[in-house]
Amino acid sequence: GLSYSGGFDMDFGNFWSPLQGLSGILTYYQATMRGVITTQGRNYTSSLINAGFQSFITFAPPGGWTPSSPFIQNFIKGIPLSSSLPPTIWYAIDGRQTNLYDVWTNGLDFDFDYVFQTDNYGNFTAAVNGNEVLRMTEAVVDPQGGSDQLVDIKDGNNSGRFTGNELKGRTTLGWNLDPYGAQISFNYIHPINQLTST
């Protein structure tokens, strides 16, 4: 994989006195992962339409296989079965782990803090931090070389093998006046699309 990042730290009060007490960190990152080792993780239909998956599916001859067919016996050799095989088998998908995906992602990490100090009422604080995913895409590695088409997988789109929430953040408000203090926090995670079947 290859990754890089860059950002800045800023004390806003140094630029404008009314913003005294406000500071922040903003970082941009980019990561590329080639040949991620995993299983296919997709369904029968995707095995047909993705060039990188077609080498993992084998179709039976006319009439199908039976559990005792030589191909099936060789296919399941050494593999523990959690259920019985159907009487007729029309296709077999190889779900072993392999270097199957290329993944690209970039985004922003942020952390902003504000401190307001008073003489008689204590110190008040506020903080916001989190991560905003700008891009998250994957492509199936084509055994013939290169990658299949890019698929947007941010927020669970397109039933990707991997996924990431577009936005995750936390807001914290606090107050302190020795020996007393109080703090309350709010967490937010952007919803994702989760494909389920029944």
N, C-alpha and C. Protein backbone atom coordinates (compact mmCIF):
# COMPACT_ATOMS: atom_id res chain seq x y z
N GLY A 1 0.83 -1.19 0.00
CA GLY A 1 0.00 0.00 0.00
C GLY A 1 0.86 1.24 0.00
N LEU A 2 0.24 2.36 -0.32
CA LEU A 2 0.90 3.66 -0.35
C LEU A 2 -0.02 4.68 0.27
N SER A 3 0.50 5.48 1.18
CA SER A 3 -0.33 6.52 1.80
C SER A 3 0.50 7.77 2.05
N TYR A 4 -0.16 8.89 2.08
CA TYR A 4 0.48 10.14 2.45
C TYR A 4 -0.56 11.06 3.05
N SER A 5 -0.12 12.05 3.79
CA SER A 5 -1.03 12.99 4.44
C SER A 5 -0.33 14.33 4.61
N GLY A 6 -1.14 15.35 4.77
CA GLY A 6 -0.61 16.69 4.99
C GLY A 6 -1.69 17.55 5.62
N GLY A 7 -1.29 18.49 6.46
CA GLY A 7 -2.29 19.32 7.10
C GLY A 7 -1.66 20.50 7.80
N PHE A 8 -2.43 21.10 8.69
CA PHE A 8 -1.92 22.26 9.42
C PHE A 8 -2.56 22.32 10.80
N ASP A 9 -1.81 22.95 11.73
CA ASP A 9 -2.32 23.28 13.06
C ASP A 9 -2.43 24.80 13.11
N MET A 10 -3.52 25.29 13.71
CA MET A 10 -3.71 26.73 13.71
C MET A 10 -4.28 27.20 15.04
N ASP A 11 -3.71 28.27 15.56
CA ASP A 11 -4.26 28.98 16.72
C ASP A 11 -4.91 30.25 16.17
N PHE A 12 -6.23 30.22 16.04
CA PHE A 12 -6.93 31.30 15.35
C PHE A 12 -6.79 32.64 16.06
N GLY A 13 -6.57 32.60 17.37
CA GLY A 13 -6.42 33.86 18.11
C GLY A 13 -5.21 34.65 17.71
N ASN A 14 -4.23 34.00 17.09
CA ASN A 14 -3.04 34.72 16.63
C ASN A 14 -3.33 35.56 15.40
N PHE A 15 -4.45 35.27 14.72
CA PHE A 15 -4.80 36.02 13.51
C PHE A 15 -5.89 37.05 13.76
N TRP A 16 -6.75 36.77 14.75
CA TRP A 16 -7.85 37.70 15.04
C TRP A 16 -8.19 37.55 16.52
N SER A 17 -7.99 38.58 17.30
CA SER A 17 -8.11 38.49 18.75
C SER A 17 -9.46 37.99 19.25
N PRO A 18 -10.61 38.29 18.59
CA PRO A 18 -11.88 37.73 19.09
C PRO A 18 -11.93 36.20 19.06
N LEU A 19 -11.04 35.56 18.31
CA LEU A 19 -11.01 34.10 18.23
C LEU A 19 -10.00 33.49 19.21
N GLN A 20 -9.55 34.29 20.17
CA GLN A 20 -8.61 33.79 21.16
C GLN A 20 -9.20 32.58 21.88
N GLY A 21 -8.44 31.50 21.96
CA GLY A 21 -8.92 30.27 22.59
C GLY A 21 -9.36 29.21 21.60
N LEU A 22 -9.48 29.58 20.33
CA LEU A 22 -9.90 28.62 19.29
C LEU A 22 -8.67 28.09 18.56
N SER A 23 -8.53 26.79 18.52
CA SER A 23 -7.42 26.16 17.80
C SER A 23 -7.96 24.98 17.00
N GLY A 24 -7.20 24.57 16.01
CA GLY A 24 -7.69 23.48 15.17
C GLY A 24 -6.59 22.76 14.44
N ILE A 25 -6.88 21.51 14.09
CA ILE A 25 -5.98 20.68 13.30
C ILE A 25 -6.80 20.09 12.15
N LEU A 26 -6.30 20.24 10.95
CA LEU A 26 -6.97 19.69 9.77
C LEU A 26 -5.94 18.92 8.95
N THR A 27 -6.23 17.65 8.66
CA THR A 27 -5.29 16.80 7.93
C THR A 27 -5.99 16.11 6.77
N TYR A 28 -5.39 16.20 5.61
CA TYR A 28 -5.87 15.47 4.43
C TYR A 28 -5.02 14.21 4.26
N TYR A 29 -5.67 13.08 3.97
CA TYR A 29 -4.94 11.84 3.78
C TYR A 29 -5.38 11.14 2.50
N GLN A 30 -4.50 10.36 1.94
CA GLN A 30 -4.76 9.57 0.74
C GLN A 30 -4.10 8.21 0.95
N ALA A 31 -4.86 7.14 0.72
CA ALA A 31 -4.30 5.80 0.88
C ALA A 31 -4.70 4.93 -0.30
N THR A 32 -3.76 4.15 -0.79
CA THR A 32 -3.99 3.19 -1.87
C THR A 32 -3.50 1.83 -1.42
N MET A 33 -4.38 0.83 -1.50
CA MET A 33 -4.01 -0.53 -1.12
C MET A 33 -4.20 -1.44 -2.33
N ARG A 34 -3.15 -2.10 -2.73
CA ARG A 34 -3.18 -2.97 -3.90
C ARG A 34 -3.21 -4.44 -3.48
N GLY A 35 -4.06 -5.21 -4.13
CA GLY A 35 -4.09 -6.64 -3.88
C GLY A 35 -4.45 -7.01 -2.46
N VAL A 36 -5.49 -6.37 -1.93
CA VAL A 36 -5.91 -6.66 -0.56
C VAL A 36 -6.34 -8.13 -0.46
N ILE A 37 -5.82 -8.82 0.54
CA ILE A 37 -6.12 -10.24 0.71
C ILE A 37 -7.45 -10.39 1.43
N THR A 38 -8.41 -11.02 0.77
CA THR A 38 -9.73 -11.24 1.35
C THR A 38 -10.47 -12.27 0.50
N THR A 39 -11.70 -12.54 0.88
CA THR A 39 -12.55 -13.40 0.08
C THR A 39 -13.40 -12.55 -0.85
N GLN A 40 -14.08 -13.21 -1.76
CA GLN A 40 -14.88 -12.49 -2.74
C GLN A 40 -15.93 -11.62 -2.07
N GLY A 41 -16.70 -12.19 -1.17
CA GLY A 41 -17.65 -11.41 -0.39
C GLY A 41 -18.82 -10.85 -1.16
N ARG A 42 -19.05 -11.34 -2.37
CA ARG A 42 -20.20 -10.86 -3.14
C ARG A 42 -21.06 -12.05 -3.55
N ASN A 43 -22.10 -11.77 -4.29
CA ASN A 43 -23.07 -12.81 -4.58
C ASN A 43 -22.87 -13.42 -5.97
N TYR A 44 -23.76 -14.35 -6.30
CA TYR A 44 -23.68 -15.07 -7.57
C TYR A 44 -23.72 -14.11 -8.76
N THR A 45 -24.62 -13.11 -8.71
CA THR A 45 -24.77 -12.19 -9.84
C THR A 45 -23.48 -11.42 -10.08
N SER A 46 -22.86 -10.92 -9.00
CA SER A 46 -21.64 -10.15 -9.18
C SER A 46 -20.51 -11.00 -9.74
N SER A 47 -20.55 -12.32 -9.49
CA SER A 47 -19.52 -13.20 -10.05
C SER A 47 -19.62 -13.26 -11.57
N LEU A 48 -20.80 -12.99 -12.10
CA LEU A 48 -20.99 -13.03 -13.55
C LEU A 48 -20.61 -11.72 -14.21
N ILE A 49 -20.88 -10.59 -13.54
CA ILE A 49 -20.73 -9.29 -14.21
C ILE A 49 -19.37 -8.66 -13.95
N ASN A 50 -18.61 -9.14 -12.96
CA ASN A 50 -17.30 -8.59 -12.68
C ASN A 50 -16.23 -9.48 -13.31
N ALA A 51 -15.43 -8.88 -14.18
CA ALA A 51 -14.41 -9.66 -14.89
C ALA A 51 -13.45 -10.33 -13.92
N GLY A 52 -13.12 -9.65 -12.82
CA GLY A 52 -12.19 -10.20 -11.88
C GLY A 52 -12.73 -11.40 -11.11
N PHE A 53 -14.05 -11.58 -11.11
CA PHE A 53 -14.66 -12.68 -10.38
C PHE A 53 -14.92 -13.91 -11.24
N GLN A 54 -14.94 -13.75 -12.55
CA GLN A 54 -15.39 -14.83 -13.41
C GLN A 54 -14.48 -16.06 -13.35
N SER A 55 -13.24 -15.86 -12.95
CA SER A 55 -12.35 -17.01 -12.83
C SER A 55 -12.61 -17.79 -11.55
N PHE A 56 -13.47 -17.25 -10.66
CA PHE A 56 -13.75 -17.93 -9.39
C PHE A 56 -15.03 -18.76 -9.45
N ILE A 57 -15.75 -18.70 -10.57
CA ILE A 57 -16.99 -19.45 -10.69
C ILE A 57 -16.87 -20.48 -11.81
N THR A 58 -17.32 -21.70 -11.55
CA THR A 58 -17.29 -22.77 -12.54
C THR A 58 -18.70 -23.33 -12.69
N PHE A 59 -19.18 -23.40 -13.93
CA PHE A 59 -20.53 -23.91 -14.18
C PHE A 59 -20.50 -25.39 -14.49
N ALA A 60 -21.55 -26.06 -14.05
CA ALA A 60 -21.67 -27.51 -14.27
C ALA A 60 -22.04 -27.79 -15.72
N PRO A 61 -21.76 -28.97 -16.21
CA PRO A 61 -22.22 -29.37 -17.55
C PRO A 61 -23.74 -29.54 -17.53
N PRO A 62 -24.35 -29.69 -18.71
CA PRO A 62 -25.81 -29.90 -18.75
C PRO A 62 -26.25 -31.02 -17.80
N GLY A 63 -27.29 -30.76 -17.04
CA GLY A 63 -27.77 -31.73 -16.06
C GLY A 63 -27.21 -31.53 -14.68
N GLY A 64 -26.13 -30.71 -14.56
CA GLY A 64 -25.54 -30.41 -13.27
C GLY A 64 -24.67 -31.51 -12.70
N TRP A 65 -24.04 -31.22 -11.56
CA TRP A 65 -23.26 -32.20 -10.83
C TRP A 65 -24.10 -32.80 -9.70
N THR A 66 -23.70 -33.92 -9.22
CA THR A 66 -24.24 -34.49 -8.00
C THR A 66 -23.15 -34.39 -6.93
N PRO A 67 -23.49 -34.54 -5.66
CA PRO A 67 -22.46 -34.46 -4.61
C PRO A 67 -21.33 -35.46 -4.79
N SER A 68 -21.58 -36.54 -5.49
CA SER A 68 -20.53 -37.54 -5.69
C SER A 68 -19.72 -37.34 -6.97
N SER A 69 -20.05 -36.32 -7.75
CA SER A 69 -19.31 -36.06 -8.99
C SER A 69 -17.84 -35.79 -8.68
N PRO A 70 -16.93 -36.28 -9.52
CA PRO A 70 -15.50 -36.08 -9.26
C PRO A 70 -15.12 -34.61 -9.07
N PHE A 71 -15.71 -33.73 -9.88
CA PHE A 71 -15.36 -32.31 -9.73
C PHE A 71 -15.72 -31.81 -8.34
N ILE A 72 -16.92 -32.13 -7.86
CA ILE A 72 -17.37 -31.67 -6.55
C ILE A 72 -16.54 -32.29 -5.44
N GLN A 73 -16.25 -33.56 -5.55
CA GLN A 73 -15.44 -34.22 -4.52
C GLN A 73 -14.05 -33.60 -4.44
N ASN A 74 -13.49 -33.25 -5.58
CA ASN A 74 -12.18 -32.60 -5.60
C ASN A 74 -12.28 -31.17 -5.08
N PHE A 75 -13.40 -30.50 -5.40
CA PHE A 75 -13.60 -29.11 -5.01
C PHE A 75 -13.69 -28.97 -3.48
N ILE A 76 -14.36 -29.91 -2.83
CA ILE A 76 -14.58 -29.82 -1.39
C ILE A 76 -13.56 -30.61 -0.59
N LYS A 77 -12.59 -31.20 -1.25
CA LYS A 77 -11.60 -32.03 -0.56
C LYS A 77 -10.88 -31.22 0.51
N GLY A 78 -10.91 -31.73 1.72
CA GLY A 78 -10.24 -31.06 2.83
C GLY A 78 -11.00 -29.89 3.42
N ILE A 79 -12.22 -29.63 2.93
CA ILE A 79 -13.02 -28.51 3.42
C ILE A 79 -14.14 -29.06 4.31
N PRO A 80 -14.23 -28.65 5.58
CA PRO A 80 -15.32 -29.11 6.43
C PRO A 80 -16.65 -28.51 5.97
N LEU A 81 -17.69 -29.33 5.88
CA LEU A 81 -19.00 -28.87 5.43
C LEU A 81 -19.90 -28.64 6.63
N SER A 82 -20.60 -27.48 6.62
CA SER A 82 -21.51 -27.15 7.72
C SER A 82 -22.94 -27.61 7.43
N SER A 83 -23.21 -28.03 6.20
CA SER A 83 -24.53 -28.53 5.84
C SER A 83 -24.38 -29.50 4.67
N SER A 84 -25.44 -30.22 4.38
CA SER A 84 -25.37 -31.19 3.29
C SER A 84 -25.46 -30.50 1.94
N LEU A 85 -24.88 -31.11 0.93
CA LEU A 85 -24.92 -30.56 -0.42
C LEU A 85 -26.27 -30.84 -1.07
N PRO A 86 -26.73 -29.95 -1.95
CA PRO A 86 -27.99 -30.21 -2.65
C PRO A 86 -27.83 -31.37 -3.63
N PRO A 87 -28.91 -32.01 -4.00
CA PRO A 87 -28.81 -33.16 -4.91
C PRO A 87 -28.28 -32.79 -6.29
N THR A 88 -28.58 -31.57 -6.73
CA THR A 88 -28.06 -31.11 -8.03
C THR A 88 -27.33 -29.80 -7.81
N ILE A 89 -26.12 -29.71 -8.33
CA ILE A 89 -25.28 -28.53 -8.17
C ILE A 89 -25.01 -27.95 -9.55
N TRP A 90 -25.34 -26.66 -9.71
CA TRP A 90 -25.23 -26.03 -11.03
C TRP A 90 -23.96 -25.20 -11.20
N TYR A 91 -23.40 -24.74 -10.12
CA TYR A 91 -22.17 -23.96 -10.22
C TYR A 91 -21.43 -24.03 -8.89
N ALA A 92 -20.15 -23.71 -8.91
CA ALA A 92 -19.32 -23.69 -7.71
C ALA A 92 -18.50 -22.40 -7.72
N ILE A 93 -18.46 -21.73 -6.57
CA ILE A 93 -17.70 -20.49 -6.44
C ILE A 93 -16.56 -20.71 -5.46
N ASP A 94 -15.37 -20.38 -5.88
CA ASP A 94 -14.18 -20.50 -5.03
C ASP A 94 -14.11 -19.27 -4.13
N GLY A 95 -14.34 -19.47 -2.84
CA GLY A 95 -14.35 -18.35 -1.90
C GLY A 95 -13.10 -18.26 -1.04
N ARG A 96 -12.00 -18.88 -1.46
CA ARG A 96 -10.78 -18.80 -0.66
C ARG A 96 -10.18 -17.40 -0.72
N GLN A 97 -9.40 -17.09 0.31
CA GLN A 97 -8.75 -15.78 0.35
C GLN A 97 -7.67 -15.68 -0.71
N THR A 98 -7.62 -14.49 -1.31
CA THR A 98 -6.61 -14.24 -2.33
C THR A 98 -6.43 -12.73 -2.46
N ASN A 99 -5.46 -12.30 -3.25
CA ASN A 99 -5.25 -10.86 -3.48
C ASN A 99 -6.31 -10.39 -4.47
N LEU A 100 -7.45 -9.96 -3.93
CA LEU A 100 -8.64 -9.81 -4.76
C LEU A 100 -9.04 -8.38 -5.07
N TYR A 101 -8.69 -7.42 -4.24
CA TYR A 101 -9.20 -6.05 -4.42
C TYR A 101 -8.09 -5.02 -4.39
N ASP A 102 -8.29 -3.94 -5.14
CA ASP A 102 -7.55 -2.70 -4.97
C ASP A 102 -8.52 -1.70 -4.34
N VAL A 103 -8.04 -0.94 -3.36
CA VAL A 103 -8.89 0.00 -2.64
C VAL A 103 -8.22 1.36 -2.58
N TRP A 104 -8.99 2.40 -2.84
CA TRP A 104 -8.51 3.78 -2.76
C TRP A 104 -9.40 4.56 -1.80
N THR A 105 -8.79 5.37 -0.95
CA THR A 105 -9.59 6.19 -0.05
C THR A 105 -8.84 7.48 0.26
N ASN A 106 -9.59 8.55 0.45
CA ASN A 106 -9.01 9.79 0.94
C ASN A 106 -10.06 10.53 1.76
N GLY A 107 -9.60 11.49 2.53
CA GLY A 107 -10.53 12.21 3.38
C GLY A 107 -9.84 13.22 4.26
N LEU A 108 -10.58 13.72 5.24
CA LEU A 108 -10.09 14.75 6.14
C LEU A 108 -10.28 14.31 7.59
N ASP A 109 -9.23 14.44 8.38
CA ASP A 109 -9.32 14.31 9.83
C ASP A 109 -9.33 15.73 10.40
N PHE A 110 -10.21 16.00 11.35
CA PHE A 110 -10.28 17.35 11.90
C PHE A 110 -10.46 17.31 13.41
N ASP A 111 -9.94 18.34 14.05
CA ASP A 111 -10.04 18.48 15.50
C ASP A 111 -9.98 19.97 15.83
N PHE A 112 -11.12 20.53 16.29
CA PHE A 112 -11.19 21.94 16.64
C PHE A 112 -11.59 22.06 18.11
N ASP A 113 -10.87 22.92 18.83
CA ASP A 113 -11.10 23.10 20.26
C ASP A 113 -11.24 24.58 20.59
N TYR A 114 -12.12 24.86 21.55
CA TYR A 114 -12.31 26.25 22.00
C TYR A 114 -12.33 26.28 23.52
N VAL A 115 -11.58 27.20 24.09
CA VAL A 115 -11.53 27.38 25.54
C VAL A 115 -11.85 28.83 25.86
N PHE A 116 -12.85 29.03 26.73
CA PHE A 116 -13.25 30.38 27.15
C PHE A 116 -13.09 30.46 28.66
N GLN A 117 -12.15 31.29 29.08
CA GLN A 117 -11.84 31.40 30.50
C GLN A 117 -12.49 32.64 31.10
N THR A 118 -13.04 32.47 32.30
CA THR A 118 -13.65 33.59 33.04
C THR A 118 -12.99 33.69 34.41
N ASP A 119 -13.14 34.85 35.02
CA ASP A 119 -12.54 35.06 36.33
C ASP A 119 -13.33 34.41 37.45
N ASN A 120 -14.66 34.40 37.33
CA ASN A 120 -15.49 33.96 38.44
C ASN A 120 -16.38 32.76 38.13
N TYR A 121 -16.52 32.41 36.86
CA TYR A 121 -17.48 31.36 36.50
C TYR A 121 -16.83 30.11 35.91
N GLY A 122 -15.54 30.02 36.01
CA GLY A 122 -14.85 28.83 35.53
C GLY A 122 -14.45 28.91 34.06
N ASN A 123 -14.01 27.79 33.57
CA ASN A 123 -13.58 27.67 32.18
C ASN A 123 -14.59 26.85 31.38
N PHE A 124 -14.93 27.33 30.22
CA PHE A 124 -15.85 26.63 29.33
C PHE A 124 -15.07 26.11 28.13
N THR A 125 -15.35 24.88 27.75
CA THR A 125 -14.63 24.28 26.63
C THR A 125 -15.61 23.66 25.64
N ALA A 126 -15.21 23.64 24.40
CA ALA A 126 -15.99 22.98 23.34
C ALA A 126 -15.00 22.35 22.36
N ALA A 127 -15.33 21.17 21.89
CA ALA A 127 -14.44 20.47 20.96
C ALA A 127 -15.26 19.71 19.93
N VAL A 128 -14.78 19.73 18.71
CA VAL A 128 -15.38 18.96 17.62
C VAL A 128 -14.26 18.23 16.90
N ASN A 129 -14.38 16.90 16.79
CA ASN A 129 -13.36 16.16 16.05
C ASN A 129 -14.02 15.02 15.29
N GLY A 130 -13.36 14.57 14.25
CA GLY A 130 -13.93 13.49 13.46
C GLY A 130 -13.18 13.24 12.18
N ASN A 131 -13.85 12.52 11.30
CA ASN A 131 -13.26 12.13 10.01
C ASN A 131 -14.33 12.20 8.93
N GLU A 132 -14.00 12.85 7.83
CA GLU A 132 -14.87 12.94 6.66
C GLU A 132 -14.22 12.19 5.51
N VAL A 133 -14.87 11.10 5.07
CA VAL A 133 -14.35 10.33 3.94
C VAL A 133 -14.82 10.99 2.65
N LEU A 134 -13.90 11.44 1.84
CA LEU A 134 -14.24 12.09 0.57
C LEU A 134 -14.37 11.07 -0.56
N ARG A 135 -13.56 10.03 -0.49
CA ARG A 135 -13.59 9.01 -1.53
C ARG A 135 -13.27 7.66 -0.92
N MET A 136 -14.02 6.64 -1.32
CA MET A 136 -13.69 5.26 -0.98
C MET A 136 -14.19 4.40 -2.11
N THR A 137 -13.27 3.87 -2.89
CA THR A 137 -13.63 3.07 -4.05
C THR A 137 -12.82 1.78 -4.05
N GLU A 138 -13.36 0.78 -4.70
CA GLU A 138 -12.66 -0.50 -4.82
C GLU A 138 -12.78 -1.00 -6.25
N ALA A 139 -11.89 -1.88 -6.61
CA ALA A 139 -11.94 -2.54 -7.91
C ALA A 139 -11.43 -3.96 -7.73
N VAL A 140 -12.06 -4.88 -8.40
CA VAL A 140 -11.62 -6.27 -8.35
C VAL A 140 -10.37 -6.43 -9.20
N VAL A 141 -9.37 -7.11 -8.64
CA VAL A 141 -8.13 -7.36 -9.39
C VAL A 141 -8.42 -8.39 -10.47
N ASP A 142 -8.16 -8.02 -11.70
CA ASP A 142 -8.37 -8.93 -12.82
C ASP A 142 -7.17 -9.88 -12.93
N PRO A 143 -7.38 -11.19 -12.87
CA PRO A 143 -6.26 -12.13 -12.99
C PRO A 143 -5.45 -11.96 -14.27
N GLN A 144 -6.07 -11.36 -15.30
CA GLN A 144 -5.37 -11.15 -16.57
C GLN A 144 -4.50 -9.89 -16.53
N GLY A 145 -4.57 -9.17 -15.40
CA GLY A 145 -3.79 -7.94 -15.28
C GLY A 145 -4.68 -6.73 -15.14
N GLY A 146 -4.28 -5.79 -14.29
CA GLY A 146 -5.05 -4.58 -14.10
C GLY A 146 -6.20 -4.80 -13.13
N SER A 147 -7.15 -3.85 -13.15
CA SER A 147 -8.29 -3.89 -12.25
C SER A 147 -9.58 -3.75 -13.03
N ASP A 148 -10.64 -4.27 -12.43
CA ASP A 148 -11.97 -4.12 -12.99
C ASP A 148 -12.42 -2.67 -12.77
N GLN A 149 -13.64 -2.33 -13.16
CA GLN A 149 -14.14 -0.97 -13.03
C GLN A 149 -14.21 -0.54 -11.57
N LEU A 150 -14.00 0.76 -11.33
CA LEU A 150 -14.08 1.31 -9.98
C LEU A 150 -15.52 1.32 -9.50
N VAL A 151 -15.72 1.01 -8.22
CA VAL A 151 -17.04 1.01 -7.61
C VAL A 151 -16.99 1.88 -6.36
N ASP A 152 -17.93 2.83 -6.25
CA ASP A 152 -18.02 3.67 -5.06
C ASP A 152 -18.58 2.84 -3.90
N ILE A 153 -17.84 2.72 -2.81
CA ILE A 153 -18.28 1.88 -1.69
C ILE A 153 -18.46 2.68 -0.41
N LYS A 154 -18.36 4.01 -0.50
CA LYS A 154 -18.57 4.83 0.68
C LYS A 154 -20.00 4.67 1.18
N ASP A 155 -20.17 4.60 2.49
CA ASP A 155 -21.50 4.45 3.11
C ASP A 155 -22.20 3.16 2.70
N GLY A 156 -21.43 2.13 2.32
CA GLY A 156 -22.05 0.86 1.97
C GLY A 156 -22.65 0.81 0.58
N ASN A 157 -22.36 1.79 -0.26
CA ASN A 157 -22.92 1.81 -1.61
C ASN A 157 -22.44 0.61 -2.42
N ASN A 158 -23.30 0.15 -3.30
CA ASN A 158 -22.97 -0.89 -4.29
C ASN A 158 -22.51 -2.21 -3.67
N SER A 159 -22.92 -2.47 -2.43
CA SER A 159 -22.61 -3.75 -1.77
C SER A 159 -21.13 -4.08 -1.85
N GLY A 160 -20.29 -3.11 -1.60
CA GLY A 160 -18.85 -3.31 -1.70
C GLY A 160 -18.34 -4.30 -0.67
N ARG A 161 -17.16 -4.84 -0.95
CA ARG A 161 -16.54 -5.78 0.00
C ARG A 161 -16.13 -5.05 1.26
N PHE A 162 -15.74 -3.80 1.12
CA PHE A 162 -15.36 -2.96 2.24
C PHE A 162 -16.30 -1.76 2.27
N THR A 163 -16.32 -1.06 3.36
CA THR A 163 -17.13 0.15 3.41
C THR A 163 -16.60 1.07 4.49
N GLY A 164 -17.01 2.31 4.45
CA GLY A 164 -16.61 3.29 5.46
C GLY A 164 -17.69 4.35 5.57
N ASN A 165 -17.96 4.77 6.78
CA ASN A 165 -18.95 5.84 6.98
C ASN A 165 -18.41 7.15 6.44
N GLU A 166 -19.27 7.88 5.74
CA GLU A 166 -18.82 9.14 5.17
C GLU A 166 -18.34 10.11 6.25
N LEU A 167 -19.05 10.13 7.37
CA LEU A 167 -18.69 11.07 8.43
C LEU A 167 -18.84 10.41 9.79
N LYS A 168 -17.81 10.53 10.59
CA LYS A 168 -17.87 10.14 12.00
C LYS A 168 -17.32 11.29 12.82
N GLY A 169 -18.07 11.71 13.83
CA GLY A 169 -17.62 12.86 14.59
C GLY A 169 -18.06 12.82 16.04
N ARG A 170 -17.44 13.66 16.84
CA ARG A 170 -17.76 13.75 18.26
C ARG A 170 -17.68 15.21 18.68
N THR A 171 -18.70 15.67 19.39
CA THR A 171 -18.74 17.02 19.94
C THR A 171 -18.78 16.93 21.46
N THR A 172 -17.92 17.70 22.11
CA THR A 172 -17.83 17.66 23.56
C THR A 172 -17.92 19.08 24.11
N LEU A 173 -18.79 19.27 25.12
CA LEU A 173 -18.93 20.54 25.81
C LEU A 173 -18.56 20.33 27.27
N GLY A 174 -17.78 21.26 27.84
CA GLY A 174 -17.35 21.08 29.21
C GLY A 174 -17.30 22.38 29.99
N TRP A 175 -17.27 22.21 31.28
CA TRP A 175 -17.15 23.35 32.21
C TRP A 175 -16.37 22.90 33.42
N ASN A 176 -15.51 23.78 33.93
CA ASN A 176 -14.71 23.44 35.09
C ASN A 176 -14.54 24.66 35.98
N LEU A 177 -14.83 24.47 37.24
CA LEU A 177 -14.59 25.48 38.27
C LEU A 177 -14.19 24.70 39.52
N ASP A 178 -12.89 24.64 39.79
CA ASP A 178 -12.40 23.79 40.88
C ASP A 178 -13.20 23.98 42.16
N PRO A 179 -13.59 22.87 42.77
CA PRO A 179 -13.29 21.46 42.44
C PRO A 179 -14.37 20.80 41.60
N TYR A 180 -15.19 21.57 40.89
CA TYR A 180 -16.32 21.01 40.17
C TYR A 180 -16.07 21.03 38.67
N GLY A 181 -16.71 20.11 37.99
CA GLY A 181 -16.60 20.06 36.54
C GLY A 181 -17.73 19.24 35.95
N ALA A 182 -18.04 19.50 34.72
CA ALA A 182 -19.09 18.75 34.03
C ALA A 182 -18.74 18.67 32.56
N GLN A 183 -19.18 17.58 31.93
CA GLN A 183 -18.89 17.39 30.51
C GLN A 183 -19.99 16.56 29.87
N ILE A 184 -20.34 16.92 28.66
CA ILE A 184 -21.32 16.16 27.90
C ILE A 184 -20.81 15.99 26.48
N SER A 185 -21.02 14.80 25.91
CA SER A 185 -20.51 14.51 24.57
C SER A 185 -21.61 13.96 23.68
N PHE A 186 -21.50 14.25 22.41
CA PHE A 186 -22.43 13.76 21.40
C PHE A 186 -21.62 13.09 20.30
N ASN A 187 -22.00 11.87 19.93
CA ASN A 187 -21.33 11.15 18.85
C ASN A 187 -22.25 11.07 17.63
N TYR A 188 -21.66 11.15 16.46
CA TYR A 188 -22.44 11.02 15.22
C TYR A 188 -21.72 10.11 14.25
N ILE A 189 -22.48 9.16 13.69
CA ILE A 189 -21.97 8.30 12.62
C ILE A 189 -22.96 8.35 11.47
N HIS A 190 -22.48 8.74 10.31
CA HIS A 190 -23.35 8.82 9.13
C HIS A 190 -23.88 7.43 8.81
N PRO A 191 -25.19 7.31 8.52
CA PRO A 191 -25.75 5.98 8.22
C PRO A 191 -25.17 5.38 6.95
N ILE A 192 -25.17 4.04 6.90
CA ILE A 192 -24.67 3.34 5.73
C ILE A 192 -25.79 2.47 5.14
N ASN A 193 -25.60 2.10 3.91
CA ASN A 193 -26.53 1.18 3.24
C ASN A 193 -26.08 -0.25 3.51
N GLN A 194 -26.96 -1.06 4.04
CA GLN A 194 -26.62 -2.43 4.36
C GLN A 194 -27.59 -3.35 3.63
N LEU A 195 -27.09 -4.08 2.62
CA LEU A 195 -27.94 -4.98 1.85
C LEU A 195 -28.12 -6.28 2.61
N THR A 196 -29.38 -6.66 2.83
CA THR A 196 -29.67 -7.92 3.49
C THR A 196 -30.61 -8.72 2.62
N SER A 197 -30.59 -10.01 2.79
CA SER A 197 -31.49 -10.89 2.04
C SER A 197 -32.18 -11.83 3.00
N THR A 198 -33.40 -12.19 2.67
CA THR A 198 -34.16 -13.09 3.54
C THR A 198 -34.67 -14.27 2.72
